[in-house]
Amino acid sequence: MAKLEFNLDQIDYQILRIMQDNARTNNADIARELGMAPSAILERVKKLEQKEVILQYNAKINPDALDQKLLSFIFIKAQDIIGEQKVGLLLADIPEVQEVHDIAGDDGYLIKVRTNDAAGLVDLMRNSLGKIEGIISTRTTIVLETVKEEQKLVVPTKK
């Protein structure tokens, strides 16, 4: 895979900060805040998308509103050899799995899952994880309370 060259300047960083706080901010509002023309902002945003700096736009949904109250992290020991991600790709296909990380150490993967309750977690482990060949063992940590859960990145203020 070719390494992407991003070459971001201070204005790009400012646009990213504004859009990360609220992706629905329109180009005219960003332009007004940065003292630029809306057409210039539109062009920069398009370039940020083309360079794969901006990957997608999302709505952050309250999991409680969808009755997905149980958050768990599962460490998975797998038979994958180093560099192979067969199990990881199968884990990524499970709808309740929000994140899949190939990690260093005894375990091969760390996944983040949301389910309705403990019964939903058991069902996920039996009927989804249990059917993936190559999983040797799992270790589950159930979250009691979330202090901070954030997807925002720290966008540099200076370059």
C-alpha atoms as a PDB file:
ATOM      1  CA  MET A   1       0.000   0.000   0.000  1.00  0.00           C
ATOM      2  CA  ALA A   2       1.399   3.385  -1.015  1.00  0.00           C
ATOM      3  CA  LYS A   3       1.938   5.924   1.724  1.00  0.00           C
ATOM      4  CA  LEU A   4      -0.261   8.986   1.275  1.00  0.00           C
ATOM      5  CA  GLU A   5       1.304  12.438   1.323  1.00  0.00           C
ATOM      6  CA  PHE A   6      -0.989  14.775   3.209  1.00  0.00           C
ATOM      7  CA  ASN A   7       0.935  18.107   3.250  1.00  0.00           C
ATOM      8  CA  LEU A   8      -1.569  20.010   5.405  1.00  0.00           C
ATOM      9  CA  ASP A   9      -1.222  23.702   6.191  1.00  0.00           C
ATOM     10  CA  GLN A  10      -2.597  25.844   9.004  1.00  0.00           C
ATOM     11  CA  ILE A  11      -5.859  26.582   7.145  1.00  0.00           C
ATOM     12  CA  ASP A  12      -6.424  22.845   6.587  1.00  0.00           C
ATOM     13  CA  TYR A  13      -5.943  22.297  10.323  1.00  0.00           C
ATOM     14  CA  GLN A  14      -8.469  25.035  11.113  1.00  0.00           C
ATOM     15  CA  ILE A  15     -11.014  23.522   8.713  1.00  0.00           C
ATOM     16  CA  LEU A  16     -10.489  20.082  10.263  1.00  0.00           C
ATOM     17  CA  ARG A  17     -10.978  21.437  13.806  1.00  0.00           C
ATOM     18  CA  ILE A  18     -14.231  23.154  12.828  1.00  0.00           C
ATOM     19  CA  MET A  19     -15.570  20.138  10.927  1.00  0.00           C
ATOM     20  CA  GLN A  20     -14.558  17.695  13.650  1.00  0.00           C
ATOM     21  CA  ASP A  21     -16.563  19.706  16.178  1.00  0.00           C
ATOM     22  CA  ASN A  22     -19.575  19.807  13.851  1.00  0.00           C
ATOM     23  CA  ALA A  23     -19.442  18.130  10.441  1.00  0.00           C
ATOM     24  CA  ARG A  24     -22.687  19.886   9.500  1.00  0.00           C
ATOM     25  CA  THR A  25     -20.986  23.295   9.538  1.00  0.00           C
ATOM     26  CA  ASN A  26     -21.491  24.634   6.024  1.00  0.00           C
ATOM     27  CA  ASN A  27     -18.764  26.102   3.830  1.00  0.00           C
ATOM     28  CA  ALA A  28     -20.124  29.648   4.179  1.00  0.00           C
ATOM     29  CA  ASP A  29     -19.872  29.499   7.987  1.00  0.00           C
ATOM     30  CA  ILE A  30     -16.343  28.063   7.837  1.00  0.00           C
ATOM     31  CA  ALA A  31     -15.359  30.727   5.298  1.00  0.00           C
ATOM     32  CA  ARG A  32     -16.772  33.478   7.502  1.00  0.00           C
ATOM     33  CA  GLU A  33     -14.884  32.157  10.551  1.00  0.00           C
ATOM     34  CA  LEU A  34     -11.601  31.939   8.617  1.00  0.00           C
ATOM     35  CA  GLY A  35     -12.069  35.110   6.585  1.00  0.00           C
ATOM     36  CA  MET A  36     -12.056  33.283   3.260  1.00  0.00           C
ATOM     37  CA  ALA A  37     -14.356  32.810   0.278  1.00  0.00           C
ATOM     38  CA  PRO A  38     -16.840  29.895   0.486  1.00  0.00           C
ATOM     39  CA  SER A  39     -15.580  28.601  -2.887  1.00  0.00           C
ATOM     40  CA  ALA A  40     -12.026  28.379  -1.471  1.00  0.00           C
ATOM     41  CA  ILE A  41     -13.300  26.384   1.511  1.00  0.00           C
ATOM     42  CA  LEU A  42     -15.270  24.061  -0.770  1.00  0.00           C
ATOM     43  CA  GLU A  43     -12.148  23.419  -2.847  1.00  0.00           C
ATOM     44  CA  ARG A  44     -10.035  22.724   0.258  1.00  0.00           C
ATOM     45  CA  VAL A  45     -12.634  20.356   1.720  1.00  0.00           C
ATOM     46  CA  LYS A  46     -12.802  18.454  -1.586  1.00  0.00           C
ATOM     47  CA  LYS A  47      -8.999  18.136  -1.575  1.00  0.00           C
ATOM     48  CA  LEU A  48      -9.045  16.923   2.053  1.00  0.00           C
ATOM     49  CA  GLU A  49     -11.551  14.252   1.011  1.00  0.00           C
ATOM     50  CA  GLN A  50      -9.509  13.276  -2.081  1.00  0.00           C
ATOM     51  CA  LYS A  51      -6.317  13.003   0.001  1.00  0.00           C
ATOM     52  CA  GLU A  52      -8.245  10.775   2.446  1.00  0.00           C
ATOM     53  CA  VAL A  53      -7.674  13.173   5.326  1.00  0.00           C
ATOM     54  CA  ILE A  54     -11.458  13.370   5.767  1.00  0.00           C
ATOM     55  CA  LEU A  55     -12.630   9.770   5.516  1.00  0.00           C
ATOM     56  CA  GLN A  56     -16.368  10.113   6.160  1.00  0.00           C
ATOM     57  CA  TYR A  57     -19.059  12.078   7.949  1.00  0.00           C
ATOM     58  CA  ASN A  58     -20.994  10.535  10.848  1.00  0.00           C
ATOM     59  CA  ALA A  59     -23.744  11.260  13.317  1.00  0.00           C
ATOM     60  CA  LYS A  60     -22.827  10.361  16.901  1.00  0.00           C
ATOM     61  CA  ILE A  61     -25.805   8.389  18.251  1.00  0.00           C
ATOM     62  CA  ASN A  62     -26.495   7.825  21.926  1.00  0.00           C
ATOM     63  CA  PRO A  63     -26.214   4.021  22.400  1.00  0.00           C
ATOM     64  CA  ASP A  64     -28.836   4.137  25.165  1.00  0.00           C
ATOM     65  CA  ALA A  65     -31.379   5.420  22.632  1.00  0.00           C
ATOM     66  CA  LEU A  66     -30.922   2.161  20.706  1.00  0.00           C
ATOM     67  CA  ASP A  67     -30.902   0.043  23.880  1.00  0.00           C
ATOM     68  CA  GLN A  68     -27.219  -0.830  23.370  1.00  0.00           C
ATOM     69  CA  LYS A  69     -26.310  -0.250  26.977  1.00  0.00           C
ATOM     70  CA  LEU A  70     -23.629  -2.894  27.496  1.00  0.00           C
ATOM     71  CA  LEU A  71     -20.147  -1.947  26.317  1.00  0.00           C
ATOM     72  CA  SER A  72     -17.496  -4.654  26.366  1.00  0.00           C
ATOM     73  CA  PHE A  73     -13.923  -5.135  25.247  1.00  0.00           C
ATOM     74  CA  ILE A  74     -12.897  -8.630  24.218  1.00  0.00           C
ATOM     75  CA  PHE A  75      -9.309  -9.794  23.892  1.00  0.00           C
ATOM     76  CA  ILE A  76      -9.106 -12.588  21.337  1.00  0.00           C
ATOM     77  CA  LYS A  77      -6.312 -15.084  20.960  1.00  0.00           C
ATOM     78  CA  ALA A  78      -6.294 -16.288  17.358  1.00  0.00           C
ATOM     79  CA  GLN A  79      -4.383 -18.719  15.174  1.00  0.00           C
ATOM     80  CA  ASP A  80      -3.599 -16.015  12.600  1.00  0.00           C
ATOM     81  CA  ILE A  81       0.062 -15.844  11.746  1.00  0.00           C
ATOM     82  CA  ILE A  82       1.741 -12.441  12.017  1.00  0.00           C
ATOM     83  CA  GLY A  83       0.567 -10.203   9.211  1.00  0.00           C
ATOM     84  CA  GLU A  84      -2.468 -12.354   8.407  1.00  0.00           C
ATOM     85  CA  GLN A  85      -5.832 -10.870   9.358  1.00  0.00           C
ATOM     86  CA  LYS A  86      -8.271 -13.640   8.445  1.00  0.00           C
ATOM     87  CA  VAL A  87      -9.881 -13.671  11.902  1.00  0.00           C
ATOM     88  CA  GLY A  88      -9.769  -9.874  12.128  1.00  0.00           C
ATOM     89  CA  LEU A  89     -11.691  -9.478   8.871  1.00  0.00           C
ATOM     90  CA  LEU A  90     -14.347 -11.942  10.057  1.00  0.00           C
ATOM     91  CA  LEU A  91     -14.645 -10.030  13.352  1.00  0.00           C
ATOM     92  CA  ALA A  92     -15.088  -6.785  11.420  1.00  0.00           C
ATOM     93  CA  ASP A  93     -18.137  -8.247   9.651  1.00  0.00           C
ATOM     94  CA  ILE A  94     -20.073  -8.651  12.931  1.00  0.00           C
ATOM     95  CA  PRO A  95     -22.499  -5.698  13.273  1.00  0.00           C
ATOM     96  CA  GLU A  96     -22.143  -5.382  17.071  1.00  0.00           C
ATOM     97  CA  VAL A  97     -18.351  -5.091  16.757  1.00  0.00           C
ATOM     98  CA  GLN A  98     -17.492  -1.398  16.647  1.00  0.00           C
ATOM     99  CA  GLU A  99     -13.705  -1.674  16.520  1.00  0.00           C
ATOM    100  CA  VAL A 100     -11.172  -4.391  15.673  1.00  0.00           C
ATOM    101  CA  HIS A 101      -7.539  -3.873  16.620  1.00  0.00           C
ATOM    102  CA  ASP A 102      -4.663  -6.213  15.714  1.00  0.00           C
ATOM    103  CA  ILE A 103      -2.550  -5.905  18.869  1.00  0.00           C
ATOM    104  CA  ALA A 104       0.880  -6.886  20.144  1.00  0.00           C
ATOM    105  CA  GLY A 105       1.187  -9.343  23.006  1.00  0.00           C
ATOM    106  CA  ASP A 106      -0.403 -12.677  23.862  1.00  0.00           C
ATOM    107  CA  ASP A 107      -3.740 -11.776  22.329  1.00  0.00           C
ATOM    108  CA  GLY A 108      -4.060 -11.211  18.605  1.00  0.00           C
ATOM    109  CA  TYR A 109      -7.057  -8.867  18.607  1.00  0.00           C
ATOM    110  CA  LEU A 110      -8.916  -6.454  20.821  1.00  0.00           C
ATOM    111  CA  ILE A 111     -12.511  -5.728  19.840  1.00  0.00           C
ATOM    112  CA  LYS A 112     -15.034  -3.231  21.163  1.00  0.00           C
ATOM    113  CA  VAL A 113     -18.647  -4.437  21.149  1.00  0.00           C
ATOM    114  CA  ARG A 114     -22.029  -3.026  22.136  1.00  0.00           C
ATOM    115  CA  THR A 115     -25.004  -5.196  23.007  1.00  0.00           C
ATOM    116  CA  ASN A 116     -28.339  -4.682  24.746  1.00  0.00           C
ATOM    117  CA  ASP A 117     -27.369  -6.601  27.871  1.00  0.00           C
ATOM    118  CA  ALA A 118     -25.402  -9.578  29.200  1.00  0.00           C
ATOM    119  CA  ALA A 119     -27.694 -12.015  27.372  1.00  0.00           C
ATOM    120  CA  GLY A 120     -26.944 -10.192  24.121  1.00  0.00           C
ATOM    121  CA  LEU A 121     -23.216 -10.477  24.835  1.00  0.00           C
ATOM    122  CA  VAL A 122     -23.529 -14.210  25.491  1.00  0.00           C
ATOM    123  CA  ASP A 123     -25.488 -14.587  22.231  1.00  0.00           C
ATOM    124  CA  LEU A 124     -22.800 -12.653  20.339  1.00  0.00           C
ATOM    125  CA  MET A 125     -20.044 -14.802  21.795  1.00  0.00           C
ATOM    126  CA  ARG A 126     -21.845 -18.094  21.111  1.00  0.00           C
ATOM    127  CA  ASN A 127     -23.386 -17.379  17.730  1.00  0.00           C
ATOM    128  CA  SER A 128     -20.859 -15.010  16.157  1.00  0.00           C
ATOM    129  CA  LEU A 129     -17.451 -15.392  17.785  1.00  0.00           C
ATOM    130  CA  GLY A 130     -17.996 -19.086  18.445  1.00  0.00           C
ATOM    131  CA  LYS A 131     -18.434 -19.741  14.724  1.00  0.00           C
ATOM    132  CA  ILE A 132     -15.158 -18.137  13.647  1.00  0.00           C
ATOM    133  CA  GLU A 133     -12.518 -20.764  12.991  1.00  0.00           C
ATOM    134  CA  GLY A 134      -9.151 -19.671  14.265  1.00  0.00           C
ATOM    135  CA  ILE A 135     -10.281 -18.168  17.579  1.00  0.00           C
ATOM    136  CA  ILE A 136      -8.431 -20.005  20.345  1.00  0.00           C
ATOM    137  CA  SER A 137      -9.754 -18.122  23.374  1.00  0.00           C
ATOM    138  CA  THR A 138     -11.384 -14.887  24.523  1.00  0.00           C
ATOM    139  CA  ARG A 139     -11.119 -12.668  27.589  1.00  0.00           C
ATOM    140  CA  THR A 140     -13.972 -10.214  28.121  1.00  0.00           C
ATOM    141  CA  THR A 141     -14.019  -6.973  30.090  1.00  0.00           C
ATOM    142  CA  ILE A 142     -17.421  -5.410  30.730  1.00  0.00           C
ATOM    143  CA  VAL A 143     -17.509  -1.631  31.150  1.00  0.00           C
ATOM    144  CA  LEU A 144     -19.292  -0.532  34.330  1.00  0.00           C
ATOM    145  CA  GLU A 145     -19.300   3.183  33.549  1.00  0.00           C
ATOM    146  CA  THR A 146     -17.795   5.291  30.778  1.00  0.00           C
ATOM    147  CA  VAL A 147     -15.916   8.371  31.953  1.00  0.00           C
ATOM    148  CA  LYS A 148     -14.861   9.488  28.469  1.00  0.00           C
ATOM    149  CA  GLU A 149     -15.492   8.072  25.018  1.00  0.00           C
ATOM    150  CA  GLU A 150     -14.252  10.275  22.222  1.00  0.00           C
ATOM    151  CA  GLN A 151     -13.464   9.797  18.565  1.00  0.00           C
ATOM    152  CA  LYS A 152     -11.953  13.241  18.040  1.00  0.00           C
ATOM    153  CA  LEU A 153      -8.284  13.525  17.168  1.00  0.00           C
ATOM    154  CA  VAL A 154      -6.009  16.267  18.435  1.00  0.00           C
ATOM    155  CA  VAL A 155      -5.589  18.574  15.440  1.00  0.00           C
ATOM    156  CA  PRO A 156      -2.302  20.521  15.673  1.00  0.00           C
ATOM    157  CA  THR A 157      -2.553  24.278  16.148  1.00  0.00           C
ATOM    158  CA  LYS A 158       0.788  24.995  14.424  1.00  0.00           C
ATOM    159  CA  LYS A 159       2.718  23.353  11.671  1.00  0.00           C
END
